[in-house]
Amino acid sequence: MAHNLLQGKKGIIFGALDENSIAWKTAVRCVEEGAQIVLTNAPIALRMGEINKLAEACNAPVIPADATSMDDLNNLFTKSMEHFGGKIDFVLHSIGMSINVRKGKPYTDLDYDFMHKGFDISAMSLHRVLQTAYKLDALNEWGSVVALTYIAAQRVFPDYSDMADAKSLLESISRSFGYHYGVAKKVRINTISQSPTRTTAGSGVKGFGDFISYADKMSPLGNASADQCADYTVTLFSDYTRMVTMQNLFHDGGFSFTGVSAAVIESMNEK
């Protein structure tokens, strides 16, 4: 059910790859709530994914941009403002990749070139996006930027490897830039720490299926789905959350504050 929460607003969605991705579902929800959007992803991701299908459904242009390229980001924001005929109200940063994880490198034997690349794609890209928007004065006052993160930024999940470090940096950037952008333009910047979710990217983590089951047992409300994350993101883009900024917001069914659940204890006893 739509409530016109984003009526008249305009935004950029980074990272929609296929129908399983949170960015894809968020794009659909934003349009259902009355927004106009621009879709973007790295050129290689555009070739691999199905974004043209989403673009048609959302009546949205696709502007390719490598989020590690300042030239690409300048072009993205400039062309988006030209398309909208004005400034932008919201941005979703849904970008993350660890070559070390993909290659199966253990945390105690990382390839540092891979690590640098992963940090650039997964975390520094947020700073690049924000700095580009800031310098171009591309966001309206009371605009909203949301980046997707995971609780591994605070707690150890061994197989998440250097992606956990990248998420820690991502959250720090959102706080630091959130201060400066808030003072200058009243733009708010937050991260959503989502439950483990069956996306194309998430499925690359070793033992991911087992961990989804564990997290579901640990969470009083169960795991939050990608569709529910899209709903939550829409509220952060709306005017109802104007005073929320610099926060890491757990959207995980209570997992983040549960020490142990009865369901997990029972499953251990069964073994």
C-alpha atoms as a PDB file:
ATOM      1  CA  MET A   1       0.000   0.000   0.000  1.00  0.00           C
ATOM      2  CA  ALA A   2       1.404   3.397  -1.023  1.00  0.00           C
ATOM      3  CA  HIS A   3       1.072   6.516   1.144  1.00  0.00           C
ATOM      4  CA  ASN A   4       2.682   9.138  -1.130  1.00  0.00           C
ATOM      5  CA  LEU A   5       5.540   9.543   1.356  1.00  0.00           C
ATOM      6  CA  LEU A   6       7.901  10.687  -1.395  1.00  0.00           C
ATOM      7  CA  GLN A   7       5.489  12.644  -3.564  1.00  0.00           C
ATOM      8  CA  GLY A   8       7.434  15.196  -5.606  1.00  0.00           C
ATOM      9  CA  LYS A   9      10.844  13.989  -4.422  1.00  0.00           C
ATOM     10  CA  LYS A  10      13.722  13.040  -6.705  1.00  0.00           C
ATOM     11  CA  GLY A  11      16.512  10.599  -5.985  1.00  0.00           C
ATOM     12  CA  ILE A  12      19.432   8.507  -7.181  1.00  0.00           C
ATOM     13  CA  ILE A  13      19.602   4.782  -6.498  1.00  0.00           C
ATOM     14  CA  PHE A  14      23.038   3.150  -6.591  1.00  0.00           C
ATOM     15  CA  GLY A  15      23.513  -0.593  -6.854  1.00  0.00           C
ATOM     16  CA  ALA A  16      20.356  -2.183  -8.282  1.00  0.00           C
ATOM     17  CA  LEU A  17      21.611  -5.367  -9.937  1.00  0.00           C
ATOM     18  CA  ASP A  18      18.666  -7.740 -10.110  1.00  0.00           C
ATOM     19  CA  GLU A  19      15.298  -8.398  -8.476  1.00  0.00           C
ATOM     20  CA  ASN A  20      16.986  -9.870  -5.384  1.00  0.00           C
ATOM     21  CA  SER A  21      18.868  -6.684  -4.527  1.00  0.00           C
ATOM     22  CA  ILE A  22      17.707  -4.300  -1.833  1.00  0.00           C
ATOM     23  CA  ALA A  23      18.455  -1.366  -4.132  1.00  0.00           C
ATOM     24  CA  TRP A  24      16.097  -2.807  -6.760  1.00  0.00           C
ATOM     25  CA  LYS A  25      13.275  -3.208  -4.275  1.00  0.00           C
ATOM     26  CA  THR A  26      13.932   0.263  -2.847  1.00  0.00           C
ATOM     27  CA  ALA A  27      13.760   1.806  -6.311  1.00  0.00           C
ATOM     28  CA  VAL A  28      10.362   0.225  -6.884  1.00  0.00           C
ATOM     29  CA  ARG A  29       9.051   1.382  -3.498  1.00  0.00           C
ATOM     30  CA  CYS A  30      10.319   4.935  -4.017  1.00  0.00           C
ATOM     31  CA  VAL A  31       8.425   5.206  -7.296  1.00  0.00           C
ATOM     32  CA  GLU A  32       5.315   3.676  -5.707  1.00  0.00           C
ATOM     33  CA  GLU A  33       5.527   6.387  -3.047  1.00  0.00           C
ATOM     34  CA  GLY A  34       5.555   9.141  -5.662  1.00  0.00           C
ATOM     35  CA  ALA A  35       9.265   9.751  -6.307  1.00  0.00           C
ATOM     36  CA  GLN A  36      11.140  10.149  -9.560  1.00  0.00           C
ATOM     37  CA  ILE A  37      14.469   8.341  -9.676  1.00  0.00           C
ATOM     38  CA  VAL A  38      17.680   7.913 -11.617  1.00  0.00           C
ATOM     39  CA  LEU A  39      19.301   4.478 -11.579  1.00  0.00           C
ATOM     40  CA  THR A  40      23.051   4.009 -11.613  1.00  0.00           C
ATOM     41  CA  ASN A  41      25.662   1.294 -11.307  1.00  0.00           C
ATOM     42  CA  ALA A  42      29.166   0.573 -12.543  1.00  0.00           C
ATOM     43  CA  PRO A  43      29.318  -0.189 -16.281  1.00  0.00           C
ATOM     44  CA  ILE A  44      30.338  -3.818 -15.667  1.00  0.00           C
ATOM     45  CA  ALA A  45      27.406  -4.292 -13.264  1.00  0.00           C
ATOM     46  CA  LEU A  46      25.039  -2.827 -15.845  1.00  0.00           C
ATOM     47  CA  ARG A  47      26.197  -5.444 -18.342  1.00  0.00           C
ATOM     48  CA  MET A  48      25.815  -8.266 -15.814  1.00  0.00           C
ATOM     49  CA  GLY A  49      22.499  -7.216 -14.307  1.00  0.00           C
ATOM     50  CA  GLU A  50      18.944  -6.568 -15.471  1.00  0.00           C
ATOM     51  CA  ILE A  51      18.705  -2.863 -14.718  1.00  0.00           C
ATOM     52  CA  ASN A  52      17.020  -1.969 -18.009  1.00  0.00           C
ATOM     53  CA  LYS A  53      14.025  -4.035 -16.903  1.00  0.00           C
ATOM     54  CA  LEU A  54      13.853  -1.981 -13.683  1.00  0.00           C
ATOM     55  CA  ALA A  55      14.346   1.272 -15.581  1.00  0.00           C
ATOM     56  CA  GLU A  56      11.359   0.505 -17.785  1.00  0.00           C
ATOM     57  CA  ALA A  57       9.171  -0.416 -14.801  1.00  0.00           C
ATOM     58  CA  CYS A  58      10.153   2.774 -12.954  1.00  0.00           C
ATOM     59  CA  ASN A  59      10.237   5.060 -15.999  1.00  0.00           C
ATOM     60  CA  ALA A  60      13.756   6.004 -14.926  1.00  0.00           C
ATOM     61  CA  PRO A  61      16.909   6.790 -16.894  1.00  0.00           C
ATOM     62  CA  VAL A  62      20.061   4.753 -16.302  1.00  0.00           C
ATOM     63  CA  ILE A  63      23.262   6.767 -15.977  1.00  0.00           C
ATOM     64  CA  PRO A  64      26.368   4.570 -15.697  1.00  0.00           C
ATOM     65  CA  ALA A  65      28.848   5.581 -13.001  1.00  0.00           C
ATOM     66  CA  ASP A  66      31.801   3.884 -11.376  1.00  0.00           C
ATOM     67  CA  ALA A  67      31.480   5.097  -7.776  1.00  0.00           C
ATOM     68  CA  THR A  68      35.283   5.120  -7.441  1.00  0.00           C
ATOM     69  CA  SER A  69      35.597   7.641 -10.290  1.00  0.00           C
ATOM     70  CA  MET A  70      35.161  11.319  -9.485  1.00  0.00           C
ATOM     71  CA  ASP A  71      34.611  12.106 -13.163  1.00  0.00           C
ATOM     72  CA  ASP A  72      31.818   9.534 -13.380  1.00  0.00           C
ATOM     73  CA  LEU A  73      30.181  10.852 -10.207  1.00  0.00           C
ATOM     74  CA  ASN A  74      30.349  14.463 -11.398  1.00  0.00           C
ATOM     75  CA  ASN A  75      28.708  13.391 -14.634  1.00  0.00           C
ATOM     76  CA  LEU A  76      26.056  11.390 -12.749  1.00  0.00           C
ATOM     77  CA  PHE A  77      24.990  14.240 -10.477  1.00  0.00           C
ATOM     78  CA  THR A  78      25.154  16.852 -13.232  1.00  0.00           C
ATOM     79  CA  LYS A  79      23.055  14.794 -15.643  1.00  0.00           C
ATOM     80  CA  SER A  80      20.626  13.803 -12.882  1.00  0.00           C
ATOM     81  CA  MET A  81      19.971  17.450 -12.033  1.00  0.00           C
ATOM     82  CA  GLU A  82      19.481  18.182 -15.721  1.00  0.00           C
ATOM     83  CA  HIS A  83      16.999  15.297 -15.947  1.00  0.00           C
ATOM     84  CA  PHE A  84      15.075  16.383 -12.855  1.00  0.00           C
ATOM     85  CA  GLY A  85      15.253  20.079 -13.667  1.00  0.00           C
ATOM     86  CA  GLY A  86      16.603  20.797 -10.200  1.00  0.00           C
ATOM     87  CA  LYS A  87      18.298  19.404  -7.135  1.00  0.00           C
ATOM     88  CA  ILE A  88      18.070  15.921  -5.636  1.00  0.00           C
ATOM     89  CA  ASP A  89      16.246  14.897  -2.444  1.00  0.00           C
ATOM     90  CA  PHE A  90      17.639  11.461  -1.656  1.00  0.00           C
ATOM     91  CA  VAL A  91      20.419   9.003  -2.467  1.00  0.00           C
ATOM     92  CA  LEU A  92      20.726   5.281  -1.726  1.00  0.00           C
ATOM     93  CA  HIS A  93      24.274   3.909  -1.522  1.00  0.00           C
ATOM     94  CA  SER A  94      24.003   0.140  -1.934  1.00  0.00           C
ATOM     95  CA  ILE A  95      27.531  -0.712  -2.998  1.00  0.00           C
ATOM     96  CA  GLY A  96      29.852  -3.349  -1.594  1.00  0.00           C
ATOM     97  CA  MET A  97      32.447  -5.831  -2.790  1.00  0.00           C
ATOM     98  CA  SER A  98      35.380  -7.722  -1.291  1.00  0.00           C
ATOM     99  CA  ILE A  99      37.740  -9.409  -3.714  1.00  0.00           C
ATOM    100  CA  ASN A 100      39.345 -11.196  -0.772  1.00  0.00           C
ATOM    101  CA  VAL A 101      36.002 -12.762   0.159  1.00  0.00           C
ATOM    102  CA  ARG A 102      35.320 -13.725  -3.433  1.00  0.00           C
ATOM    103  CA  LYS A 103      38.750 -15.321  -3.690  1.00  0.00           C
ATOM    104  CA  GLY A 104      38.307 -17.164  -0.391  1.00  0.00           C
ATOM    105  CA  LYS A 105      41.252 -15.398   1.267  1.00  0.00           C
ATOM    106  CA  PRO A 106      41.236 -15.802   5.075  1.00  0.00           C
ATOM    107  CA  TYR A 107      41.416 -12.654   7.194  1.00  0.00           C
ATOM    108  CA  THR A 108      44.896 -13.612   8.398  1.00  0.00           C
ATOM    109  CA  ASP A 109      46.225 -13.820   4.827  1.00  0.00           C
ATOM    110  CA  LEU A 110      44.681 -10.936   2.917  1.00  0.00           C
ATOM    111  CA  ASP A 111      45.873  -9.531  -0.375  1.00  0.00           C
ATOM    112  CA  TYR A 112      46.311  -5.829   0.375  1.00  0.00           C
ATOM    113  CA  ASP A 113      45.761  -4.690  -3.178  1.00  0.00           C
ATOM    114  CA  PHE A 114      42.407  -6.484  -3.031  1.00  0.00           C
ATOM    115  CA  MET A 115      41.772  -4.893   0.371  1.00  0.00           C
ATOM    116  CA  HIS A 116      42.439  -1.369  -0.916  1.00  0.00           C
ATOM    117  CA  LYS A 117      40.133  -1.960  -3.866  1.00  0.00           C
ATOM    118  CA  GLY A 118      37.424  -3.305  -1.583  1.00  0.00           C
ATOM    119  CA  PHE A 119      37.668  -0.282   0.718  1.00  0.00           C
ATOM    120  CA  ASP A 120      37.476   2.063  -2.266  1.00  0.00           C
ATOM    121  CA  ILE A 121      34.385   0.376  -3.684  1.00  0.00           C
ATOM    122  CA  SER A 122      32.566  -0.380  -0.432  1.00  0.00           C
ATOM    123  CA  ALA A 123      33.328   2.634   1.764  1.00  0.00           C
ATOM    124  CA  MET A 124      35.364   5.401   0.171  1.00  0.00           C
ATOM    125  CA  SER A 125      32.771   5.469  -2.600  1.00  0.00           C
ATOM    126  CA  LEU A 126      30.306   6.914  -0.071  1.00  0.00           C
ATOM    127  CA  HIS A 127      32.701   9.760   0.696  1.00  0.00           C
ATOM    128  CA  ARG A 128      33.186  10.338  -3.033  1.00  0.00           C
ATOM    129  CA  VAL A 129      29.420  10.445  -3.596  1.00  0.00           C
ATOM    130  CA  LEU A 130      28.888  12.854  -0.715  1.00  0.00           C
ATOM    131  CA  GLN A 131      31.827  15.093  -1.603  1.00  0.00           C
ATOM    132  CA  THR A 132      30.657  15.296  -5.213  1.00  0.00           C
ATOM    133  CA  ALA A 133      27.111  16.196  -4.174  1.00  0.00           C
ATOM    134  CA  TYR A 134      28.439  18.702  -1.615  1.00  0.00           C
ATOM    135  CA  LYS A 135      30.683  20.521  -4.093  1.00  0.00           C
ATOM    136  CA  LEU A 136      27.992  20.617  -6.769  1.00  0.00           C
ATOM    137  CA  ASP A 137      25.376  21.685  -4.196  1.00  0.00           C
ATOM    138  CA  ALA A 138      23.302  18.884  -5.685  1.00  0.00           C
ATOM    139  CA  LEU A 139      21.104  18.002  -2.694  1.00  0.00           C
ATOM    140  CA  ASN A 140      18.150  19.993  -1.457  1.00  0.00           C
ATOM    141  CA  GLU A 141      17.993  21.106   2.168  1.00  0.00           C
ATOM    142  CA  TRP A 142      16.590  18.316   4.321  1.00  0.00           C
ATOM    143  CA  GLY A 143      17.768  15.824   1.745  1.00  0.00           C
ATOM    144  CA  SER A 144      18.547  12.285   2.883  1.00  0.00           C
ATOM    145  CA  VAL A 145      21.361   9.856   2.103  1.00  0.00           C
ATOM    146  CA  VAL A 146      21.187   6.222   3.219  1.00  0.00           C
ATOM    147  CA  ALA A 147      23.971   3.634   2.951  1.00  0.00           C
ATOM    148  CA  LEU A 148      23.499  -0.074   3.607  1.00  0.00           C
ATOM    149  CA  THR A 149      25.759  -1.760   6.151  1.00  0.00           C
ATOM    150  CA  TYR A 150      25.946  -4.828   8.376  1.00  0.00           C
ATOM    151  CA  ILE A 151      26.507  -5.610  12.071  1.00  0.00           C
ATOM    152  CA  ALA A 152      29.917  -7.115  11.245  1.00  0.00           C
ATOM    153  CA  ALA A 153      31.116  -3.518  11.537  1.00  0.00           C
ATOM    154  CA  GLN A 154      30.666  -3.905  15.313  1.00  0.00           C
ATOM    155  CA  ARG A 155      30.947  -7.655  15.919  1.00  0.00           C
ATOM    156  CA  VAL A 156      33.204 -10.389  14.586  1.00  0.00           C
ATOM    157  CA  PHE A 157      31.848 -12.682  11.882  1.00  0.00           C
ATOM    158  CA  PRO A 158      34.984 -14.560  10.775  1.00  0.00           C
ATOM    159  CA  ASP A 159      34.034 -15.286   7.182  1.00  0.00           C
ATOM    160  CA  TYR A 160      32.961 -11.688   6.515  1.00  0.00           C
ATOM    161  CA  SER A 161      36.687 -10.922   6.454  1.00  0.00           C
ATOM    162  CA  ASP A 162      37.809  -7.433   5.348  1.00  0.00           C
ATOM    163  CA  MET A 163      34.262  -6.517   4.350  1.00  0.00           C
ATOM    164  CA  ALA A 164      33.667  -5.942   8.071  1.00  0.00           C
ATOM    165  CA  ASP A 165      36.454  -3.351   8.100  1.00  0.00           C
ATOM    166  CA  ALA A 166      34.995  -1.688   5.024  1.00  0.00           C
ATOM    167  CA  LYS A 167      31.577  -1.444   6.690  1.00  0.00           C
ATOM    168  CA  SER A 168      33.187   0.107   9.786  1.00  0.00           C
ATOM    169  CA  LEU A 169      34.747   2.768   7.580  1.00  0.00           C
ATOM    170  CA  LEU A 170      31.444   3.293   5.753  1.00  0.00           C
ATOM    171  CA  GLU A 171      29.638   3.975   9.034  1.00  0.00           C
ATOM    172  CA  SER A 172      32.353   6.361  10.198  1.00  0.00           C
ATOM    173  CA  ILE A 173      32.136   8.325   6.947  1.00  0.00           C
ATOM    174  CA  SER A 174      28.364   8.626   7.317  1.00  0.00           C
ATOM    175  CA  ARG A 175      28.795  10.123  10.780  1.00  0.00           C
ATOM    176  CA  SER A 176      31.619  12.491   9.868  1.00  0.00           C
ATOM    177  CA  PHE A 177      30.078  13.736   6.642  1.00  0.00           C
ATOM    178  CA  GLY A 178      26.693  13.754   8.340  1.00  0.00           C
ATOM    179  CA  TYR A 179      27.952  16.445  10.683  1.00  0.00           C
ATOM    180  CA  HIS A 180      29.360  18.661   7.954  1.00  0.00           C
ATOM    181  CA  TYR A 181      26.436  18.247   5.565  1.00  0.00           C
ATOM    182  CA  GLY A 182      23.970  18.765   8.393  1.00  0.00           C
ATOM    183  CA  VAL A 183      25.545  22.046   9.446  1.00  0.00           C
ATOM    184  CA  ALA A 184      25.858  23.331   5.880  1.00  0.00           C
ATOM    185  CA  LYS A 185      22.629  22.154   4.231  1.00  0.00           C
ATOM    186  CA  LYS A 186      20.557  20.226   6.795  1.00  0.00           C
ATOM    187  CA  VAL A 187      21.188  17.092   4.731  1.00  0.00           C
ATOM    188  CA  ARG A 188      20.940  13.960   6.848  1.00  0.00           C
ATOM    189  CA  ILE A 189      23.087  10.866   6.412  1.00  0.00           C
ATOM    190  CA  ASN A 190      22.376   7.482   7.994  1.00  0.00           C
ATOM    191  CA  THR A 191      23.301   3.833   7.606  1.00  0.00           C
ATOM    192  CA  ILE A 192      20.929   0.883   7.835  1.00  0.00           C
ATOM    193  CA  SER A 193      22.376  -2.272   9.373  1.00  0.00           C
ATOM    194  CA  GLN A 194      20.231  -4.904   7.698  1.00  0.00           C
ATOM    195  CA  SER A 195      19.630  -8.558   8.580  1.00  0.00           C
ATOM    196  CA  PRO A 196      21.568 -11.040   6.449  1.00  0.00           C
ATOM    197  CA  THR A 197      19.595 -11.023   3.214  1.00  0.00           C
ATOM    198  CA  ARG A 198      19.589 -13.366   0.229  1.00  0.00           C
ATOM    199  CA  THR A 199      20.992 -11.019  -2.396  1.00  0.00           C
ATOM    200  CA  THR A 200      23.412 -11.795  -5.206  1.00  0.00           C
ATOM    201  CA  ALA A 201      26.205 -10.023  -3.318  1.00  0.00           C
ATOM    202  CA  GLY A 202      25.436 -11.543   0.085  1.00  0.00           C
ATOM    203  CA  SER A 203      25.376 -15.067  -1.253  1.00  0.00           C
ATOM    204  CA  GLY A 204      29.105 -14.828  -1.971  1.00  0.00           C
ATOM    205  CA  VAL A 205      29.973 -15.075   1.735  1.00  0.00           C
ATOM    206  CA  LYS A 206      31.014 -18.558   2.895  1.00  0.00           C
ATOM    207  CA  GLY A 207      28.317 -20.343   4.920  1.00  0.00           C
ATOM    208  CA  PHE A 208      25.802 -17.581   4.209  1.00  0.00           C
ATOM    209  CA  GLY A 209      22.771 -19.875   4.054  1.00  0.00           C
ATOM    210  CA  ASP A 210      23.517 -21.394   7.461  1.00  0.00           C
ATOM    211  CA  PHE A 211      24.043 -17.978   8.954  1.00  0.00           C
ATOM    212  CA  ILE A 212      20.702 -16.693   7.676  1.00  0.00           C
ATOM    213  CA  SER A 213      19.051 -19.564   9.524  1.00  0.00           C
ATOM    214  CA  TYR A 214      21.020 -18.809  12.694  1.00  0.00           C
ATOM    215  CA  ALA A 215      20.172 -15.092  12.573  1.00  0.00           C
ATOM    216  CA  ASP A 216      16.509 -15.892  12.072  1.00  0.00           C
ATOM    217  CA  LYS A 217      16.540 -18.049  15.226  1.00  0.00           C
ATOM    218  CA  MET A 218      18.391 -15.328  17.153  1.00  0.00           C
ATOM    219  CA  SER A 219      16.061 -12.486  16.197  1.00  0.00           C
ATOM    220  CA  PRO A 220      12.854 -12.075  18.246  1.00  0.00           C
ATOM    221  CA  LEU A 221      11.025 -10.890  15.128  1.00  0.00           C
ATOM    222  CA  GLY A 222      12.969 -13.032  12.671  1.00  0.00           C
ATOM    223  CA  ASN A 223      15.131 -11.681   9.875  1.00  0.00           C
ATOM    224  CA  ALA A 224      14.072  -8.494   8.124  1.00  0.00           C
ATOM    225  CA  SER A 225      13.478  -9.089   4.419  1.00  0.00           C
ATOM    226  CA  ALA A 226      14.763  -7.027   1.505  1.00  0.00           C
ATOM    227  CA  ASP A 227      11.224  -5.724   0.915  1.00  0.00           C
ATOM    228  CA  GLN A 228      10.990  -4.588   4.535  1.00  0.00           C
ATOM    229  CA  CYS A 229      14.372  -2.887   4.234  1.00  0.00           C
ATOM    230  CA  ALA A 230      13.060  -1.014   1.200  1.00  0.00           C
ATOM    231  CA  ASP A 231      10.062   0.145   3.258  1.00  0.00           C
ATOM    232  CA  TYR A 232      12.346   1.337   6.060  1.00  0.00           C
ATOM    233  CA  THR A 233      14.602   3.171   3.617  1.00  0.00           C
ATOM    234  CA  VAL A 234      11.609   5.002   2.187  1.00  0.00           C
ATOM    235  CA  THR A 235      10.768   6.340   5.659  1.00  0.00           C
ATOM    236  CA  LEU A 236      14.302   7.709   5.963  1.00  0.00           C
ATOM    237  CA  PHE A 237      13.917   9.461   2.624  1.00  0.00           C
ATOM    238  CA  SER A 238      10.623  10.973   3.754  1.00  0.00           C
ATOM    239  CA  ASP A 239       9.959  14.179   5.682  1.00  0.00           C
ATOM    240  CA  TYR A 240       8.887  12.174   8.729  1.00  0.00           C
ATOM    241  CA  THR A 241      12.517  11.527   9.706  1.00  0.00           C
ATOM    242  CA  ARG A 242      13.945  14.999   9.239  1.00  0.00           C
ATOM    243  CA  MET A 243      15.731  15.025  12.595  1.00  0.00           C
ATOM    244  CA  VAL A 244      17.404  11.622  12.211  1.00  0.00           C
ATOM    245  CA  THR A 245      21.021  11.862  11.091  1.00  0.00           C
ATOM    246  CA  MET A 246      24.476  10.362  11.729  1.00  0.00           C
ATOM    247  CA  GLN A 247      22.832   7.176  12.983  1.00  0.00           C
ATOM    248  CA  ASN A 248      23.542   3.520  12.354  1.00  0.00           C
ATOM    249  CA  LEU A 249      20.037   2.073  12.441  1.00  0.00           C
ATOM    250  CA  PHE A 250      19.650  -1.645  13.067  1.00  0.00           C
ATOM    251  CA  HIS A 251      16.952  -3.206  10.911  1.00  0.00           C
ATOM    252  CA  ASP A 252      17.383  -6.802  11.965  1.00  0.00           C
ATOM    253  CA  GLY A 253      14.375  -8.044  13.939  1.00  0.00           C
ATOM    254  CA  GLY A 254      16.193  -7.480  17.229  1.00  0.00           C
ATOM    255  CA  PHE A 255      19.272  -9.580  16.414  1.00  0.00           C
ATOM    256  CA  SER A 256      21.668  -6.770  17.375  1.00  0.00           C
ATOM    257  CA  PHE A 257      20.489  -6.662  21.003  1.00  0.00           C
ATOM    258  CA  THR A 258      19.842 -10.341  21.634  1.00  0.00           C
ATOM    259  CA  GLY A 259      22.524 -12.203  23.566  1.00  0.00           C
ATOM    260  CA  VAL A 260      21.060 -15.644  22.935  1.00  0.00           C
ATOM    261  CA  SER A 261      17.574 -16.869  22.110  1.00  0.00           C
ATOM    262  CA  ALA A 262      15.597 -19.867  23.310  1.00  0.00           C
ATOM    263  CA  ALA A 263      15.403 -21.111  19.714  1.00  0.00           C
ATOM    264  CA  VAL A 264      19.196 -21.165  19.400  1.00  0.00           C
ATOM    265  CA  ILE A 265      19.608 -22.958  22.746  1.00  0.00           C
ATOM    266  CA  GLU A 266      17.021 -25.528  21.701  1.00  0.00           C
ATOM    267  CA  SER A 267      18.787 -26.145  18.380  1.00  0.00           C
ATOM    268  CA  MET A 268      22.070 -26.689  20.243  1.00  0.00           C
ATOM    269  CA  ASN A 269      20.423 -29.166  22.614  1.00  0.00           C
ATOM    270  CA  GLU A 270      19.014 -31.098  19.682  1.00  0.00           C
ATOM    271  CA  LYS A 271      22.534 -31.803  18.501  1.00  0.00           C
END
